């Protein structure tokens, strides 16, 4: 049997990272100590391209790592661990990385592939429609939000001006509503038009 056939069987003919069934191929894990089946994964083109160029990383696509990091296949654990490191400036990815367990040999293999100077993926603060948010922008709430520790709710349609980006969490911004500085999840805002 060929390496590809063996990989297809091991993977059930789906991407070992995200489960997609299209555009699959054998992928040799960079910095692997050998050339056997153990050091390959069966992955889709989307995972391959985003893994190799983390600036293309789509945070939502990589939520598949919630399962991948717990795979019984060391190659999948290594790819998952490395990708989580590239995404560690996102809250859920960093939390998952903290919980992950790799045996000593697998962890050493995973770390061998990480360049000390490798940057984490450059992820941006985006609104509910995917528009990039910048410091100083104005946003509009797309949902009425309960404000913790306050006696008011931030009403849907409220314009929040001069926002500040939360540096270590791309899912959060800060802004003033009713004179109070609050943290707002980016999924509940849209970037404001200049006329609003």
N, C-alpha and C. Protein backbone atom coordinates (compact mmCIF):
# COMPACT_ATOMS: atom_id res chain seq x y z
N UNK A 1 0.84 -1.20 0.00
CA UNK A 1 0.00 0.00 0.00
C UNK A 1 0.87 1.25 0.00
N UNK A 2 0.36 2.29 -0.62
CA UNK A 2 1.12 3.54 -0.68
C UNK A 2 0.89 4.36 0.58
N UNK A 3 1.77 5.31 0.79
CA UNK A 3 1.66 6.22 1.93
C UNK A 3 0.31 6.94 1.89
N UNK A 4 -0.09 7.43 0.72
CA UNK A 4 -1.35 8.16 0.59
C UNK A 4 -2.55 7.29 0.94
N UNK A 5 -2.52 6.03 0.48
CA UNK A 5 -3.63 5.12 0.79
C UNK A 5 -3.71 4.87 2.29
N UNK A 6 -2.55 4.66 2.91
CA UNK A 6 -2.52 4.44 4.36
C UNK A 6 -3.05 5.66 5.11
N UNK A 7 -2.66 6.86 4.66
CA UNK A 7 -3.14 8.10 5.30
C UNK A 7 -4.64 8.26 5.14
N UNK A 8 -5.15 7.98 3.93
CA UNK A 8 -6.59 8.08 3.68
C UNK A 8 -7.36 7.16 4.63
N UNK A 9 -6.84 5.95 4.79
CA UNK A 9 -7.51 5.00 5.69
C UNK A 9 -7.48 5.49 7.13
N UNK A 10 -6.32 5.95 7.57
CA UNK A 10 -6.19 6.44 8.95
C UNK A 10 -7.15 7.61 9.21
N UNK A 11 -7.28 8.47 8.19
CA UNK A 11 -8.08 9.70 8.34
C UNK A 11 -9.56 9.49 8.01
N UNK A 12 -9.92 8.32 7.50
CA UNK A 12 -11.31 8.13 7.07
C UNK A 12 -11.64 9.00 5.87
N UNK A 13 -10.62 9.31 5.09
CA UNK A 13 -10.71 10.15 3.89
C UNK A 13 -11.34 11.52 4.15
N UNK A 14 -10.94 12.13 5.27
CA UNK A 14 -11.31 13.52 5.55
C UNK A 14 -10.13 14.20 6.21
N UNK A 15 -10.12 15.52 6.16
CA UNK A 15 -9.01 16.28 6.74
C UNK A 15 -8.88 15.94 8.22
N UNK A 16 -7.67 15.59 8.62
CA UNK A 16 -7.45 15.19 10.02
C UNK A 16 -7.52 16.38 10.98
N UNK A 17 -7.53 17.60 10.45
CA UNK A 17 -7.65 18.77 11.32
C UNK A 17 -9.09 19.28 11.37
N UNK A 18 -9.71 19.53 10.20
CA UNK A 18 -11.03 20.18 10.21
C UNK A 18 -12.17 19.27 9.75
N UNK A 19 -11.87 18.10 9.21
CA UNK A 19 -12.93 17.18 8.79
C UNK A 19 -13.45 17.40 7.38
N UNK A 20 -12.93 18.40 6.68
CA UNK A 20 -13.37 18.65 5.31
C UNK A 20 -13.02 17.46 4.42
N UNK A 21 -13.81 17.22 3.36
CA UNK A 21 -13.59 16.05 2.52
C UNK A 21 -13.10 16.39 1.12
N UNK A 22 -12.84 17.67 0.83
CA UNK A 22 -12.39 18.08 -0.50
C UNK A 22 -10.94 18.53 -0.49
N UNK A 23 -10.27 18.40 -1.63
CA UNK A 23 -8.90 18.88 -1.85
C UNK A 23 -7.94 18.40 -0.77
N UNK A 24 -7.92 17.08 -0.56
CA UNK A 24 -7.08 16.49 0.48
C UNK A 24 -5.76 15.98 -0.10
N UNK A 25 -4.71 16.05 0.70
CA UNK A 25 -3.42 15.51 0.27
C UNK A 25 -2.57 15.18 1.48
N UNK A 26 -1.51 14.39 1.22
CA UNK A 26 -0.55 14.05 2.28
C UNK A 26 0.30 15.29 2.57
N UNK A 27 0.52 15.56 3.84
CA UNK A 27 1.32 16.71 4.23
C UNK A 27 2.37 16.25 5.23
N UNK A 28 3.62 16.39 4.85
CA UNK A 28 4.71 16.02 5.77
C UNK A 28 4.91 17.15 6.76
N UNK A 29 4.86 16.81 8.02
CA UNK A 29 5.00 17.81 9.07
C UNK A 29 6.43 18.38 9.02
N UNK A 30 6.57 19.70 8.88
CA UNK A 30 7.92 20.29 8.86
C UNK A 30 8.71 19.94 10.12
N UNK A 31 10.01 19.79 9.97
CA UNK A 31 10.92 19.46 11.08
C UNK A 31 10.59 18.13 11.75
N UNK A 32 10.15 17.16 10.95
CA UNK A 32 9.89 15.83 11.49
C UNK A 32 11.18 15.04 11.56
N UNK A 33 11.30 14.16 12.56
CA UNK A 33 12.54 13.40 12.71
C UNK A 33 12.68 12.22 11.74
N UNK A 34 11.68 11.96 10.92
CA UNK A 34 11.76 10.82 10.00
C UNK A 34 10.87 11.03 8.80
N UNK A 35 10.74 9.97 7.98
CA UNK A 35 9.97 10.08 6.75
C UNK A 35 8.87 9.03 6.67
N UNK A 36 8.53 8.42 7.79
CA UNK A 36 7.51 7.38 7.80
C UNK A 36 6.11 8.00 7.89
N UNK A 37 5.11 7.16 7.76
CA UNK A 37 3.70 7.55 7.83
C UNK A 37 3.40 8.39 9.07
N UNK A 38 4.05 8.04 10.17
CA UNK A 38 3.85 8.74 11.45
C UNK A 38 4.04 10.24 11.32
N UNK A 39 4.89 10.68 10.39
CA UNK A 39 5.25 12.09 10.30
C UNK A 39 4.47 12.84 9.22
N UNK A 40 3.36 12.25 8.80
CA UNK A 40 2.50 12.87 7.80
C UNK A 40 1.09 13.04 8.37
N UNK A 41 0.37 14.01 7.80
CA UNK A 41 -1.06 14.19 8.10
C UNK A 41 -1.81 14.27 6.78
N UNK A 42 -3.07 13.91 6.80
CA UNK A 42 -3.95 13.98 5.62
C UNK A 42 -4.81 15.21 5.83
N UNK A 43 -4.49 16.31 5.12
CA UNK A 43 -5.18 17.57 5.38
C UNK A 43 -5.68 18.23 4.10
N UNK A 44 -6.61 19.16 4.26
CA UNK A 44 -7.20 19.87 3.12
C UNK A 44 -6.33 21.07 2.75
N UNK A 45 -6.61 21.61 1.59
CA UNK A 45 -5.85 22.75 1.07
C UNK A 45 -6.02 23.99 1.97
N UNK A 46 -7.23 24.18 2.53
CA UNK A 46 -7.48 25.34 3.40
C UNK A 46 -6.57 25.30 4.63
N UNK A 47 -6.54 24.13 5.30
CA UNK A 47 -5.68 24.01 6.49
C UNK A 47 -4.21 24.18 6.12
N UNK A 48 -3.80 23.57 5.01
CA UNK A 48 -2.40 23.64 4.58
C UNK A 48 -1.98 25.09 4.32
N UNK A 49 -2.78 25.81 3.54
CA UNK A 49 -2.39 27.18 3.18
C UNK A 49 -2.39 28.10 4.39
N UNK A 50 -3.37 27.96 5.29
CA UNK A 50 -3.42 28.83 6.47
C UNK A 50 -2.36 28.44 7.50
N UNK A 51 -2.01 27.15 7.55
CA UNK A 51 -0.95 26.72 8.46
C UNK A 51 0.39 27.29 7.99
N UNK A 52 0.63 27.22 6.69
CA UNK A 52 1.91 27.67 6.15
C UNK A 52 2.04 29.20 6.12
N UNK A 53 0.92 29.90 6.02
CA UNK A 53 0.94 31.37 6.04
C UNK A 53 -0.11 31.84 7.03
N UNK A 54 0.31 32.02 8.29
CA UNK A 54 -0.65 32.31 9.35
C UNK A 54 -1.31 33.68 9.20
N UNK A 55 -0.82 34.53 8.29
CA UNK A 55 -1.50 35.81 8.06
C UNK A 55 -2.85 35.58 7.37
N UNK A 56 -3.04 34.40 6.78
CA UNK A 56 -4.31 34.06 6.14
C UNK A 56 -5.29 33.41 7.12
N UNK A 57 -4.84 33.18 8.34
CA UNK A 57 -5.62 32.40 9.30
C UNK A 57 -7.00 32.98 9.56
N UNK A 58 -8.00 32.13 9.42
CA UNK A 58 -9.38 32.47 9.74
C UNK A 58 -9.69 31.84 11.09
N UNK A 59 -9.82 32.69 12.09
CA UNK A 59 -10.02 32.23 13.47
C UNK A 59 -11.13 31.19 13.57
N UNK A 60 -12.25 31.43 12.90
CA UNK A 60 -13.38 30.51 13.01
C UNK A 60 -13.08 29.14 12.40
N UNK A 61 -12.31 29.11 11.31
CA UNK A 61 -11.93 27.82 10.71
C UNK A 61 -11.17 26.97 11.72
N UNK A 62 -10.29 27.62 12.49
CA UNK A 62 -9.40 26.89 13.39
C UNK A 62 -10.04 26.46 14.70
N UNK A 63 -11.32 26.75 14.87
CA UNK A 63 -12.01 26.22 16.05
C UNK A 63 -12.05 24.70 16.01
N UNK A 64 -11.77 24.13 14.83
CA UNK A 64 -11.67 22.67 14.69
C UNK A 64 -10.57 22.10 15.59
N UNK A 65 -9.65 22.94 16.04
CA UNK A 65 -8.56 22.45 16.89
C UNK A 65 -9.06 22.02 18.27
N UNK A 66 -10.30 22.39 18.61
CA UNK A 66 -10.90 21.89 19.85
C UNK A 66 -10.91 20.37 19.86
N UNK A 67 -10.99 19.77 18.67
CA UNK A 67 -10.93 18.31 18.56
C UNK A 67 -9.53 17.85 18.16
N UNK A 68 -8.90 18.57 17.23
CA UNK A 68 -7.61 18.15 16.71
C UNK A 68 -6.54 17.97 17.77
N UNK A 69 -6.52 18.85 18.76
CA UNK A 69 -5.47 18.78 19.78
C UNK A 69 -5.60 17.51 20.63
N UNK A 70 -6.80 16.92 20.65
CA UNK A 70 -7.02 15.71 21.45
C UNK A 70 -6.95 14.43 20.60
N UNK A 71 -6.55 14.57 19.34
CA UNK A 71 -6.42 13.41 18.45
C UNK A 71 -5.45 12.39 19.05
N UNK A 72 -5.64 11.12 18.71
CA UNK A 72 -4.71 10.08 19.15
C UNK A 72 -3.52 9.98 18.20
N UNK A 73 -3.57 10.72 17.08
CA UNK A 73 -2.50 10.69 16.08
C UNK A 73 -1.48 11.78 16.39
N UNK A 74 -0.23 11.42 16.71
CA UNK A 74 0.77 12.44 17.07
C UNK A 74 0.95 13.53 16.02
N UNK A 75 0.91 13.19 14.73
CA UNK A 75 1.09 14.21 13.69
C UNK A 75 0.01 15.28 13.78
N UNK A 76 -1.22 14.87 14.07
CA UNK A 76 -2.33 15.81 14.20
C UNK A 76 -2.17 16.64 15.46
N UNK A 77 -1.70 16.03 16.54
CA UNK A 77 -1.44 16.77 17.78
C UNK A 77 -0.38 17.85 17.53
N UNK A 78 0.68 17.50 16.80
CA UNK A 78 1.77 18.44 16.53
C UNK A 78 1.27 19.62 15.71
N UNK A 79 0.55 19.34 14.62
CA UNK A 79 0.01 20.43 13.80
C UNK A 79 -0.94 21.31 14.61
N UNK A 80 -1.79 20.69 15.41
CA UNK A 80 -2.75 21.44 16.23
C UNK A 80 -2.02 22.32 17.24
N UNK A 81 -1.03 21.77 17.91
CA UNK A 81 -0.28 22.52 18.93
C UNK A 81 0.43 23.71 18.29
N UNK A 82 1.06 23.47 17.13
CA UNK A 82 1.78 24.56 16.46
C UNK A 82 0.81 25.65 16.01
N UNK A 83 -0.35 25.27 15.47
CA UNK A 83 -1.31 26.27 15.00
C UNK A 83 -1.89 27.05 16.18
N UNK A 84 -2.17 26.38 17.28
CA UNK A 84 -2.67 27.07 18.47
C UNK A 84 -1.65 28.10 18.95
N UNK A 85 -0.37 27.77 18.84
CA UNK A 85 0.68 28.74 19.21
C UNK A 85 0.65 29.95 18.30
N UNK A 86 0.37 29.73 17.01
CA UNK A 86 0.30 30.85 16.07
C UNK A 86 -0.92 31.73 16.36
N UNK A 87 -1.95 31.14 16.98
CA UNK A 87 -3.20 31.86 17.25
C UNK A 87 -3.34 32.27 18.71
N UNK A 88 -2.28 32.15 19.48
CA UNK A 88 -2.43 32.29 20.94
C UNK A 88 -2.83 33.68 21.42
N UNK A 89 -2.89 34.66 20.52
CA UNK A 89 -3.39 35.96 20.97
C UNK A 89 -4.91 36.02 20.94
N UNK A 90 -5.56 34.91 20.63
CA UNK A 90 -7.02 34.80 20.70
C UNK A 90 -7.35 34.03 21.98
N UNK A 91 -8.28 34.54 22.74
CA UNK A 91 -8.61 33.95 24.04
C UNK A 91 -8.84 32.45 24.02
N UNK A 92 -9.75 31.96 23.14
CA UNK A 92 -10.09 30.53 23.16
C UNK A 92 -8.90 29.67 22.78
N UNK A 93 -8.06 30.15 21.84
CA UNK A 93 -6.89 29.37 21.40
C UNK A 93 -5.86 29.26 22.52
N UNK A 94 -5.65 30.36 23.22
CA UNK A 94 -4.70 30.35 24.34
C UNK A 94 -5.20 29.44 25.46
N UNK A 95 -6.50 29.48 25.74
CA UNK A 95 -7.08 28.61 26.77
C UNK A 95 -6.90 27.14 26.40
N UNK A 96 -7.17 26.82 25.11
CA UNK A 96 -7.04 25.44 24.65
C UNK A 96 -5.59 24.98 24.73
N UNK A 97 -4.67 25.86 24.40
CA UNK A 97 -3.24 25.54 24.47
C UNK A 97 -2.83 25.25 25.91
N UNK A 98 -3.39 26.01 26.86
CA UNK A 98 -3.09 25.78 28.27
C UNK A 98 -3.59 24.41 28.75
N UNK A 99 -4.71 23.95 28.19
CA UNK A 99 -5.29 22.67 28.60
C UNK A 99 -4.67 21.47 27.90
N UNK A 100 -4.05 21.70 26.74
CA UNK A 100 -3.56 20.60 25.90
C UNK A 100 -2.47 19.81 26.60
N UNK A 101 -2.50 18.49 26.34
CA UNK A 101 -1.45 17.63 26.87
C UNK A 101 -0.84 16.84 25.72
N UNK A 102 0.47 16.95 25.56
CA UNK A 102 1.22 16.14 24.60
C UNK A 102 2.30 15.40 25.39
N UNK A 103 2.51 14.12 25.06
CA UNK A 103 3.57 13.40 25.77
C UNK A 103 4.92 14.06 25.42
N UNK A 104 5.95 13.73 26.18
CA UNK A 104 7.23 14.42 26.06
C UNK A 104 7.81 14.38 24.65
N UNK A 105 7.77 13.21 24.00
CA UNK A 105 8.33 13.08 22.65
C UNK A 105 7.55 13.91 21.63
N UNK A 106 6.23 13.87 21.73
CA UNK A 106 5.39 14.62 20.78
C UNK A 106 5.57 16.11 20.99
N UNK A 107 5.66 16.55 22.24
CA UNK A 107 5.86 17.97 22.54
C UNK A 107 7.23 18.44 22.02
N UNK A 108 8.24 17.62 22.17
CA UNK A 108 9.57 17.98 21.66
C UNK A 108 9.53 18.12 20.13
N UNK A 109 8.80 17.23 19.47
CA UNK A 109 8.64 17.30 18.01
C UNK A 109 7.89 18.58 17.63
N UNK A 110 6.82 18.89 18.37
CA UNK A 110 6.03 20.10 18.08
C UNK A 110 6.88 21.35 18.25
N UNK A 111 7.65 21.41 19.32
CA UNK A 111 8.49 22.59 19.58
C UNK A 111 9.62 22.72 18.57
N UNK A 112 10.11 21.59 18.05
CA UNK A 112 11.20 21.61 17.07
C UNK A 112 10.79 22.34 15.80
N UNK A 113 9.51 22.39 15.54
CA UNK A 113 9.03 23.05 14.32
C UNK A 113 8.69 24.51 14.50
N UNK A 114 8.85 25.02 15.71
CA UNK A 114 8.50 26.41 15.96
C UNK A 114 9.75 27.26 15.96
N UNK A 115 9.80 28.21 15.07
CA UNK A 115 10.89 29.16 15.01
C UNK A 115 10.74 30.12 16.19
N UNK A 116 11.82 30.34 16.91
CA UNK A 116 11.76 31.24 18.07
C UNK A 116 11.27 32.63 17.67
N UNK A 117 11.55 33.02 16.43
CA UNK A 117 11.16 34.35 15.97
C UNK A 117 9.81 34.35 15.28
N UNK A 118 9.18 33.16 15.20
CA UNK A 118 7.92 33.08 14.46
C UNK A 118 6.86 33.93 15.14
N UNK A 119 6.20 34.73 14.34
CA UNK A 119 5.17 35.61 14.87
C UNK A 119 3.84 34.86 14.95
N UNK A 120 3.05 35.21 15.93
CA UNK A 120 1.69 34.68 15.96
C UNK A 120 0.92 35.32 14.82
N UNK A 121 -0.16 34.69 14.43
CA UNK A 121 -0.95 35.20 13.31
C UNK A 121 -1.38 36.64 13.62
N UNK A 122 -1.33 37.48 12.62
CA UNK A 122 -1.74 38.86 12.79
C UNK A 122 -3.25 38.91 12.63
N UNK A 123 -3.93 38.82 13.74
CA UNK A 123 -5.39 38.82 13.69
C UNK A 123 -5.89 40.21 14.01
N UNK A 124 -6.96 40.56 13.37
CA UNK A 124 -7.47 41.92 13.48
C UNK A 124 -8.79 41.94 14.24
N UNK A 125 -9.08 43.08 14.83
CA UNK A 125 -10.38 43.31 15.42
C UNK A 125 -11.34 43.57 14.26
N UNK A 126 -12.40 42.79 14.16
CA UNK A 126 -13.38 42.98 13.10
C UNK A 126 -14.78 43.02 13.69
N UNK A 127 -15.68 43.75 13.00
CA UNK A 127 -17.06 43.83 13.47
C UNK A 127 -17.84 42.59 13.05
N UNK A 128 -19.14 42.58 13.31
CA UNK A 128 -19.98 41.41 13.04
C UNK A 128 -20.06 41.07 11.56
N UNK A 129 -19.68 42.01 10.69
CA UNK A 129 -19.70 41.77 9.24
C UNK A 129 -18.30 41.55 8.67
N UNK A 130 -17.29 41.54 9.53
CA UNK A 130 -15.93 41.30 9.07
C UNK A 130 -15.15 42.55 8.69
N UNK A 131 -15.73 43.74 8.90
CA UNK A 131 -15.01 44.99 8.61
C UNK A 131 -13.98 45.23 9.71
N UNK A 132 -12.77 45.61 9.31
CA UNK A 132 -11.70 45.83 10.28
C UNK A 132 -11.97 47.07 11.11
N UNK A 133 -11.74 46.94 12.41
CA UNK A 133 -11.92 48.06 13.34
C UNK A 133 -10.56 48.65 13.70
N UNK A 134 -10.51 49.97 13.84
CA UNK A 134 -9.28 50.66 14.22
C UNK A 134 -9.54 51.48 15.49
N UNK A 135 -8.48 51.78 16.21
CA UNK A 135 -8.59 52.65 17.38
C UNK A 135 -9.18 53.98 16.93
N UNK A 136 -10.17 54.49 17.67
CA UNK A 136 -10.78 55.77 17.35
C UNK A 136 -12.02 55.68 16.47
N UNK A 137 -12.31 54.48 15.94
CA UNK A 137 -13.52 54.30 15.12
C UNK A 137 -14.78 54.48 15.96
N UNK A 138 -15.88 54.68 15.26
CA UNK A 138 -17.20 54.66 15.90
C UNK A 138 -17.90 53.37 15.47
N UNK A 139 -18.63 52.75 16.39
CA UNK A 139 -19.36 51.53 16.08
C UNK A 139 -20.80 51.67 16.55
N UNK A 140 -21.67 50.83 16.00
CA UNK A 140 -23.08 50.81 16.38
C UNK A 140 -23.38 49.44 16.97
N UNK A 141 -24.05 49.43 18.11
CA UNK A 141 -24.43 48.15 18.73
C UNK A 141 -25.53 47.49 17.91
N UNK A 142 -25.37 46.20 17.62
CA UNK A 142 -26.38 45.47 16.84
C UNK A 142 -27.27 44.63 17.74
N UNK A 143 -27.08 44.76 19.06
CA UNK A 143 -27.86 44.01 20.04
C UNK A 143 -27.89 44.82 21.33
N UNK A 144 -28.98 44.74 22.06
CA UNK A 144 -29.03 45.38 23.37
C UNK A 144 -28.20 44.54 24.34
N UNK A 145 -27.28 45.19 25.03
CA UNK A 145 -26.36 44.47 25.91
C UNK A 145 -26.57 44.86 27.36
N UNK A 146 -26.59 43.86 28.24
CA UNK A 146 -26.61 44.12 29.68
C UNK A 146 -25.20 44.52 30.08
N UNK A 147 -25.08 45.60 30.84
CA UNK A 147 -23.77 46.08 31.27
C UNK A 147 -23.54 45.62 32.70
N UNK A 148 -22.52 44.78 32.89
CA UNK A 148 -22.23 44.24 34.22
C UNK A 148 -21.83 45.38 35.16
N UNK A 149 -22.37 45.35 36.36
CA UNK A 149 -22.02 46.34 37.36
C UNK A 149 -22.65 47.70 37.14
N UNK A 150 -23.58 47.80 36.19
CA UNK A 150 -24.24 49.09 35.93
C UNK A 150 -25.75 48.90 36.02
N UNK A 151 -26.46 50.02 36.13
CA UNK A 151 -27.92 49.96 36.27
C UNK A 151 -28.63 50.19 34.94
N UNK A 152 -27.88 50.14 33.83
CA UNK A 152 -28.50 50.38 32.53
C UNK A 152 -28.08 49.30 31.54
N UNK A 153 -28.81 49.23 30.45
CA UNK A 153 -28.45 48.36 29.34
C UNK A 153 -27.99 49.25 28.18
N UNK A 154 -27.02 48.76 27.41
CA UNK A 154 -26.57 49.48 26.21
C UNK A 154 -27.52 49.06 25.09
N UNK A 155 -28.34 49.98 24.65
CA UNK A 155 -29.41 49.68 23.69
C UNK A 155 -28.89 49.44 22.27
N UNK A 156 -29.57 48.54 21.58
CA UNK A 156 -29.27 48.30 20.18
C UNK A 156 -29.40 49.62 19.43
N UNK A 157 -28.47 49.91 18.53
CA UNK A 157 -28.49 51.16 17.77
C UNK A 157 -27.66 52.27 18.39
N UNK A 158 -27.18 52.06 19.62
CA UNK A 158 -26.33 53.06 20.27
C UNK A 158 -25.02 53.19 19.52
N UNK A 159 -24.61 54.43 19.26
CA UNK A 159 -23.33 54.68 18.60
C UNK A 159 -22.28 54.87 19.69
N UNK A 160 -21.19 54.11 19.59
CA UNK A 160 -20.08 54.23 20.53
C UNK A 160 -18.91 54.82 19.76
N UNK A 161 -18.50 56.02 20.15
CA UNK A 161 -17.44 56.72 19.42
C UNK A 161 -16.07 56.56 20.08
N UNK A 162 -15.04 56.73 19.27
CA UNK A 162 -13.67 56.73 19.78
C UNK A 162 -13.34 55.46 20.56
N UNK A 163 -13.56 54.31 19.92
CA UNK A 163 -13.31 53.03 20.61
C UNK A 163 -11.81 52.80 20.80
N UNK A 164 -11.51 51.91 21.73
CA UNK A 164 -10.14 51.47 21.97
C UNK A 164 -10.13 49.95 21.77
N UNK A 165 -9.09 49.43 21.11
CA UNK A 165 -8.97 48.00 20.88
C UNK A 165 -8.31 47.33 22.09
N UNK A 166 -8.87 46.22 22.55
CA UNK A 166 -8.25 45.46 23.63
C UNK A 166 -7.10 44.66 22.99
N UNK A 167 -5.87 44.97 23.38
CA UNK A 167 -4.69 44.45 22.67
C UNK A 167 -4.56 42.94 22.71
N UNK A 168 -4.84 42.32 23.85
CA UNK A 168 -4.60 40.88 23.95
C UNK A 168 -5.83 40.03 23.64
N UNK A 169 -6.90 40.66 23.13
CA UNK A 169 -8.11 39.90 22.79
C UNK A 169 -8.80 40.56 21.60
N UNK A 170 -8.71 39.92 20.43
CA UNK A 170 -9.29 40.51 19.21
C UNK A 170 -10.81 40.46 19.21
N UNK A 171 -11.40 39.83 20.21
CA UNK A 171 -12.86 39.75 20.28
C UNK A 171 -13.46 40.86 21.13
N UNK A 172 -12.61 41.78 21.65
CA UNK A 172 -13.11 42.82 22.55
C UNK A 172 -12.61 44.21 22.16
N UNK A 173 -13.49 45.19 22.39
CA UNK A 173 -13.12 46.61 22.27
C UNK A 173 -13.63 47.30 23.53
N UNK A 174 -13.19 48.54 23.74
CA UNK A 174 -13.69 49.34 24.86
C UNK A 174 -14.26 50.64 24.32
N UNK A 175 -15.28 51.13 24.98
CA UNK A 175 -15.88 52.39 24.59
C UNK A 175 -16.79 52.91 25.68
N UNK A 176 -17.22 54.18 25.54
CA UNK A 176 -18.09 54.79 26.55
C UNK A 176 -19.55 54.73 26.12
N UNK A 177 -20.38 54.24 27.03
CA UNK A 177 -21.83 54.23 26.85
C UNK A 177 -22.42 54.85 28.12
N UNK A 178 -23.27 55.86 27.95
CA UNK A 178 -23.87 56.56 29.10
C UNK A 178 -22.80 57.05 30.08
N UNK A 179 -21.65 57.47 29.56
CA UNK A 179 -20.59 58.00 30.41
C UNK A 179 -19.75 56.95 31.10
N UNK A 180 -20.07 55.66 30.91
CA UNK A 180 -19.30 54.59 31.55
C UNK A 180 -18.44 53.87 30.52
N UNK A 181 -17.18 53.63 30.87
CA UNK A 181 -16.27 52.87 29.99
C UNK A 181 -16.61 51.39 30.14
N UNK A 182 -16.95 50.73 29.02
CA UNK A 182 -17.32 49.32 29.09
C UNK A 182 -16.55 48.52 28.03
N UNK A 183 -16.46 47.21 28.27
CA UNK A 183 -15.88 46.29 27.30
C UNK A 183 -17.02 45.71 26.48
N UNK A 184 -16.85 45.70 25.15
CA UNK A 184 -17.91 45.23 24.24
C UNK A 184 -17.31 44.15 23.34
N UNK A 185 -18.04 43.08 23.14
CA UNK A 185 -17.60 42.04 22.22
C UNK A 185 -17.80 42.52 20.78
N UNK A 186 -16.79 42.32 19.94
CA UNK A 186 -16.85 42.81 18.56
C UNK A 186 -17.98 42.17 17.76
N UNK A 187 -18.43 40.98 18.16
CA UNK A 187 -19.51 40.33 17.40
C UNK A 187 -20.85 41.04 17.59
N UNK A 188 -20.91 41.99 18.52
CA UNK A 188 -22.15 42.73 18.76
C UNK A 188 -22.10 44.16 18.22
N UNK A 189 -21.11 44.47 17.39
CA UNK A 189 -21.02 45.82 16.84
C UNK A 189 -20.81 45.77 15.34
N UNK A 190 -21.19 46.86 14.70
CA UNK A 190 -20.84 47.06 13.27
C UNK A 190 -20.17 48.42 13.18
N UNK A 191 -19.25 48.53 12.26
CA UNK A 191 -18.53 49.78 12.07
C UNK A 191 -19.53 50.83 11.61
N UNK A 192 -19.45 52.01 12.19
CA UNK A 192 -20.39 53.08 11.89
C UNK A 192 -20.06 53.77 10.57
N UNK A 193 -21.11 54.16 9.85
CA UNK A 193 -20.92 55.00 8.67
C UNK A 193 -20.64 56.42 9.18
N UNK A 194 -19.86 57.21 8.43
CA UNK A 194 -19.53 58.58 8.86
C UNK A 194 -20.77 59.43 9.13
N UNK A 195 -21.90 59.13 8.47
CA UNK A 195 -23.11 59.94 8.64
C UNK A 195 -23.86 59.62 9.91
N UNK A 196 -23.55 58.51 10.57
CA UNK A 196 -24.30 58.11 11.77
C UNK A 196 -23.87 58.90 12.98
